[in-house]
Amino acid sequence: MQAQAISQLVYELDDSLKRKIETHRVNRADKVVTVSVPQKVDEVDGNETAPVQTLRESHQIQALLAKVGAQMGMSIWVPVNDRAPVLSEQPEVRRSLLERLPLNYDSTTLRTIEQIDVLWIRGRYIVRAFEVEHTTSVYSGILRMADLLALQPNVDIRLHIVAPLERREKVFQEIRRPVFSLLEKGPLAESCTYISYDSLRELASQKHLAHFSDSVLDEYAEGEDE
């Protein structure tokens, strides 16, 4: 910084720094507010980095979600930073992977959507959205789902939190927080269900997935009252 001040040279920010400081303006009914869209970070709690084995399993699940969707004929979106590990787990997903989102939303919504772990897309519509919660706090993905519903209360997308069975109760506990229960669209729990790692693996083991509709996923998902 001192060298830059002395030289008076202008240094261009790289894309990652731009995203960190970028803010967005959103129209509310009563006023315009400024919001931020935090970048996706692999964390356990606070500033701790997720253990390598835990992170590896999360990428395996992310890749399995992508594979199942691709086998059902969906186009697949995964965040740019996750593509290499996902493709290393399931290389055949590459032909179904989208390079850009074919969606007509404002920049704030798009920035939020593009960070969701896995999207199943048909044409120009998101059919299903998945967040893989591999951390003990299980809230980062839930926050992204809530952000999406807050920005687009009229959106009709099936949302799913995918997490290990031992975190099932924690997922429902977080989804029922007041901040997620008082959204304009209605409680997040009414739009978002839970899928265990084991249930996903069971679905992925089914033969002839190409003949299945995405609605079969509802047989493996759990709502808060189930």
Protein backbone atom coordinates (compact mmCIF):
# COMPACT_ATOMS: atom_id res chain seq x y z
CA MET A 1 0.00 0.00 0.00
CA GLN A 2 2.85 2.44 0.84
CA ALA A 3 4.57 1.65 -2.46
CA GLN A 4 1.33 2.26 -4.32
CA ALA A 5 0.85 5.61 -2.55
CA ILE A 6 4.38 6.70 -3.39
CA SER A 7 4.27 5.57 -7.01
CA GLN A 8 0.67 6.81 -7.45
CA LEU A 9 0.06 3.84 -9.74
CA VAL A 10 -3.47 2.47 -10.04
CA TYR A 11 -3.74 -1.27 -9.49
CA GLU A 12 -6.79 -3.07 -10.84
CA LEU A 13 -8.63 -5.33 -8.38
CA ASP A 14 -8.88 -8.97 -9.35
CA ASP A 15 -12.32 -10.59 -9.63
CA SER A 16 -12.20 -12.25 -6.20
CA LEU A 17 -11.48 -8.94 -4.43
CA LYS A 18 -14.18 -7.18 -6.43
CA ARG A 19 -16.72 -9.77 -5.30
CA LYS A 20 -15.68 -9.38 -1.66
CA ILE A 21 -16.32 -5.64 -1.59
CA GLU A 22 -19.21 -5.51 -4.05
CA THR A 23 -22.62 -4.54 -2.70
CA HIS A 24 -26.02 -4.71 -4.35
CA ARG A 25 -29.09 -2.51 -4.11
CA VAL A 26 -32.49 -4.17 -3.74
CA ASN A 27 -35.91 -2.56 -3.98
CA ARG A 28 -38.21 -3.09 -1.00
CA ALA A 29 -41.81 -1.95 -0.93
CA ASP A 30 -40.88 1.06 1.18
CA LYS A 31 -37.29 1.86 0.18
CA VAL A 32 -34.09 0.73 -1.53
CA VAL A 33 -31.63 -1.17 0.65
CA THR A 34 -28.01 -2.23 0.17
CA VAL A 35 -27.20 -5.91 0.57
CA SER A 36 -24.12 -8.08 0.19
CA VAL A 37 -23.81 -11.61 -1.20
CA PRO A 38 -21.05 -13.38 0.77
CA GLN A 39 -18.78 -15.67 -1.16
CA LYS A 40 -19.07 -19.37 -0.50
CA VAL A 41 -16.35 -20.55 1.91
CA ASP A 42 -15.67 -24.07 3.14
CA GLU A 43 -15.82 -23.65 6.91
CA VAL A 44 -16.50 -25.69 10.01
CA ASP A 45 -17.02 -22.96 12.61
CA GLY A 46 -15.74 -19.43 12.65
CA ASN A 47 -12.58 -19.26 10.59
CA GLU A 48 -11.68 -22.94 10.82
CA THR A 49 -11.04 -24.74 7.55
CA ALA A 50 -13.04 -27.88 6.86
CA PRO A 51 -11.00 -31.08 7.34
CA VAL A 52 -9.80 -32.56 4.06
CA GLN A 53 -11.76 -35.81 4.52
CA THR A 54 -14.99 -33.94 5.34
CA LEU A 55 -14.52 -31.66 2.35
CA ARG A 56 -13.81 -34.66 0.11
CA GLU A 57 -17.05 -36.34 1.19
CA SER A 58 -19.03 -33.15 0.54
CA HIS A 59 -17.63 -33.01 -2.99
CA GLN A 60 -18.53 -36.67 -3.48
CA ILE A 61 -22.12 -35.92 -2.49
CA GLN A 62 -22.17 -32.79 -4.64
CA ALA A 63 -20.92 -34.86 -7.57
CA LEU A 64 -23.50 -37.58 -6.90
CA LEU A 65 -26.30 -34.99 -6.97
CA ALA A 66 -24.96 -33.73 -10.28
CA LYS A 67 -24.75 -37.26 -11.67
CA VAL A 68 -28.33 -38.18 -10.67
CA GLY A 69 -29.69 -34.98 -12.20
CA ALA A 70 -27.71 -35.50 -15.39
CA GLN A 71 -28.99 -39.08 -15.69
CA MET A 72 -32.54 -37.72 -15.43
CA GLY A 73 -31.82 -35.43 -18.37
CA MET A 74 -31.26 -32.21 -16.43
CA SER A 75 -28.70 -29.55 -17.16
CA ILE A 76 -26.46 -29.09 -14.14
CA TRP A 77 -24.98 -26.05 -12.45
CA VAL A 78 -22.28 -26.18 -9.78
CA PRO A 79 -20.26 -23.17 -8.57
CA VAL A 80 -17.14 -22.49 -10.61
CA ASN A 81 -14.78 -23.21 -7.70
CA ASP A 82 -16.37 -26.63 -7.15
CA ARG A 83 -16.21 -27.89 -10.72
CA ALA A 84 -12.75 -29.46 -10.63
CA PRO A 85 -13.42 -31.63 -7.54
CA VAL A 86 -16.91 -32.54 -8.79
CA LEU A 87 -15.60 -33.59 -12.20
CA SER A 88 -12.78 -35.57 -10.61
CA GLU A 89 -15.46 -37.60 -8.79
CA GLN A 90 -17.93 -37.88 -11.69
CA PRO A 91 -16.24 -37.02 -15.03
CA GLU A 92 -19.32 -37.98 -17.06
CA VAL A 93 -21.20 -34.99 -15.61
CA ARG A 94 -19.13 -32.65 -17.80
CA ARG A 95 -21.43 -32.95 -20.82
CA SER A 96 -24.42 -31.80 -18.73
CA LEU A 97 -22.59 -28.98 -16.93
CA LEU A 98 -23.65 -25.43 -17.78
CA GLU A 99 -21.04 -22.74 -18.35
CA ARG A 100 -23.51 -19.97 -17.51
CA LEU A 101 -26.93 -19.77 -15.93
CA PRO A 102 -29.75 -19.36 -18.51
CA LEU A 103 -31.82 -17.26 -16.10
CA ASN A 104 -33.31 -13.79 -16.26
CA TYR A 105 -32.88 -12.50 -12.73
CA ASP A 106 -31.27 -9.33 -11.38
CA SER A 107 -27.55 -9.44 -10.60
CA THR A 108 -28.07 -9.86 -6.84
CA THR A 109 -30.26 -12.92 -7.32
CA LEU A 110 -27.92 -14.40 -9.92
CA ARG A 111 -24.91 -13.90 -7.62
CA THR A 112 -26.81 -15.77 -4.89
CA ILE A 113 -28.01 -18.57 -7.17
CA GLU A 114 -24.62 -19.22 -8.75
CA GLN A 115 -23.18 -20.08 -5.31
CA ILE A 116 -25.74 -22.80 -4.55
CA ASP A 117 -24.02 -26.21 -4.48
CA VAL A 118 -26.05 -27.96 -7.19
CA LEU A 119 -28.89 -26.85 -9.45
CA TRP A 120 -30.97 -29.09 -11.68
CA ILE A 121 -32.14 -27.00 -14.61
CA ARG A 122 -34.59 -27.77 -17.38
CA GLY A 123 -34.58 -25.21 -20.17
CA ARG A 124 -34.62 -21.82 -18.45
CA TYR A 125 -36.07 -23.03 -15.16
CA ILE A 126 -34.52 -24.29 -11.95
CA VAL A 127 -36.23 -27.56 -11.08
CA ARG A 128 -34.34 -28.38 -7.88
CA ALA A 129 -31.70 -26.64 -5.76
CA PHE A 130 -29.40 -28.45 -3.33
CA GLU A 131 -27.05 -27.35 -0.58
CA VAL A 132 -24.65 -29.93 0.85
CA GLU A 133 -24.16 -29.16 4.55
CA HIS A 134 -20.95 -30.87 5.64
CA THR A 135 -20.14 -28.48 8.50
CA THR A 136 -21.16 -28.88 12.13
CA SER A 137 -23.02 -25.56 12.09
CA VAL A 138 -25.12 -26.50 9.01
CA TYR A 139 -26.22 -22.93 8.36
CA SER A 140 -24.25 -21.58 5.38
CA GLY A 141 -26.34 -23.39 2.76
CA ILE A 142 -29.56 -22.68 4.63
CA LEU A 143 -28.68 -18.98 4.56
CA ARG A 144 -28.24 -19.10 0.78
CA MET A 145 -31.64 -20.78 0.38
CA ALA A 146 -33.24 -18.13 2.59
CA ASP A 147 -31.47 -15.35 0.66
CA LEU A 148 -32.93 -16.72 -2.57
CA LEU A 149 -36.48 -16.77 -1.18
CA ALA A 150 -36.06 -13.29 0.31
CA LEU A 151 -34.91 -11.89 -3.04
CA GLN A 152 -37.48 -13.80 -5.11
CA PRO A 153 -40.51 -14.54 -2.89
CA ASN A 154 -42.57 -15.68 -5.89
CA VAL A 155 -40.01 -18.22 -7.07
CA ASP A 156 -41.25 -21.82 -7.19
CA ILE A 157 -38.19 -24.03 -6.72
CA ARG A 158 -37.89 -27.23 -4.71
CA LEU A 159 -35.10 -26.67 -2.18
CA HIS A 160 -33.15 -29.41 -0.42
CA ILE A 161 -30.53 -29.53 2.32
CA VAL A 162 -28.35 -32.64 1.99
CA ALA A 163 -26.46 -33.62 5.14
CA PRO A 164 -25.29 -36.67 7.12
CA LEU A 165 -27.97 -38.45 9.13
CA GLU A 166 -26.39 -37.39 12.43
CA ARG A 167 -27.05 -33.75 11.50
CA ARG A 168 -30.72 -34.26 10.61
CA GLU A 169 -32.11 -32.68 13.79
CA LYS A 170 -29.64 -29.80 13.55
CA VAL A 171 -30.84 -29.06 10.00
CA PHE A 172 -34.49 -28.87 11.09
CA GLN A 173 -33.53 -26.83 14.15
CA GLU A 174 -31.80 -24.24 11.97
CA ILE A 175 -34.57 -24.16 9.35
CA ARG A 176 -37.13 -23.36 12.08
CA ARG A 177 -35.23 -20.29 13.34
CA PRO A 178 -37.48 -17.18 13.50
CA VAL A 179 -35.46 -15.38 10.82
CA PHE A 180 -36.25 -18.22 8.39
CA SER A 181 -39.86 -18.64 9.55
CA LEU A 182 -40.90 -15.03 8.89
CA LEU A 183 -39.96 -14.76 5.21
CA GLU A 184 -42.45 -13.02 2.92
CA LYS A 185 -42.99 -16.26 0.99
CA GLY A 186 -43.67 -18.15 4.21
CA PRO A 187 -41.56 -20.34 6.51
CA LEU A 188 -38.46 -21.79 4.88
CA ALA A 189 -39.48 -25.17 6.30
CA GLU A 190 -42.43 -25.20 3.88
CA SER A 191 -40.14 -24.88 0.85
CA CYS A 192 -37.04 -26.76 1.94
CA THR A 193 -36.66 -30.45 2.78
CA TYR A 194 -33.87 -32.63 4.14
CA ILE A 195 -32.12 -35.49 2.32
CA SER A 196 -29.59 -37.68 4.10
CA TYR A 197 -26.36 -38.79 2.45
CA ASP A 198 -27.58 -42.39 2.72
CA SER A 199 -30.91 -41.62 1.04
CA LEU A 200 -29.13 -39.91 -1.83
CA ARG A 201 -26.80 -42.87 -2.27
CA GLU A 202 -29.83 -45.18 -2.29
CA LEU A 203 -31.46 -43.10 -5.02
CA ALA A 204 -28.24 -42.98 -7.03
CA SER A 205 -28.03 -46.78 -6.94
CA GLN A 206 -31.39 -47.17 -8.70
CA LYS A 207 -31.24 -48.57 -12.21
CA HIS A 208 -32.69 -46.73 -15.20
CA LEU A 209 -32.64 -43.26 -13.62
CA ALA A 210 -33.03 -41.87 -17.13
CA HIS A 211 -36.66 -43.04 -17.00
CA PHE A 212 -37.35 -41.37 -13.65
CA SER A 213 -38.97 -37.98 -13.11
CA ASP A 214 -37.36 -35.59 -10.64
CA SER A 215 -40.47 -36.09 -8.47
CA VAL A 216 -38.99 -39.41 -7.31
CA LEU A 217 -36.71 -37.29 -5.13
CA ASP A 218 -39.67 -36.50 -2.89
CA GLU A 219 -39.72 -40.15 -1.80
CA TYR A 220 -36.22 -39.71 -0.38
CA ALA A 221 -36.70 -36.24 1.13
CA GLU A 222 -38.05 -35.42 4.59
CA GLY A 223 -40.06 -32.41 5.67
CA GLU A 224 -40.00 -31.06 9.21
CA ASP A 225 -43.20 -32.95 10.16
CA GLU A 226 -42.01 -36.36 8.94
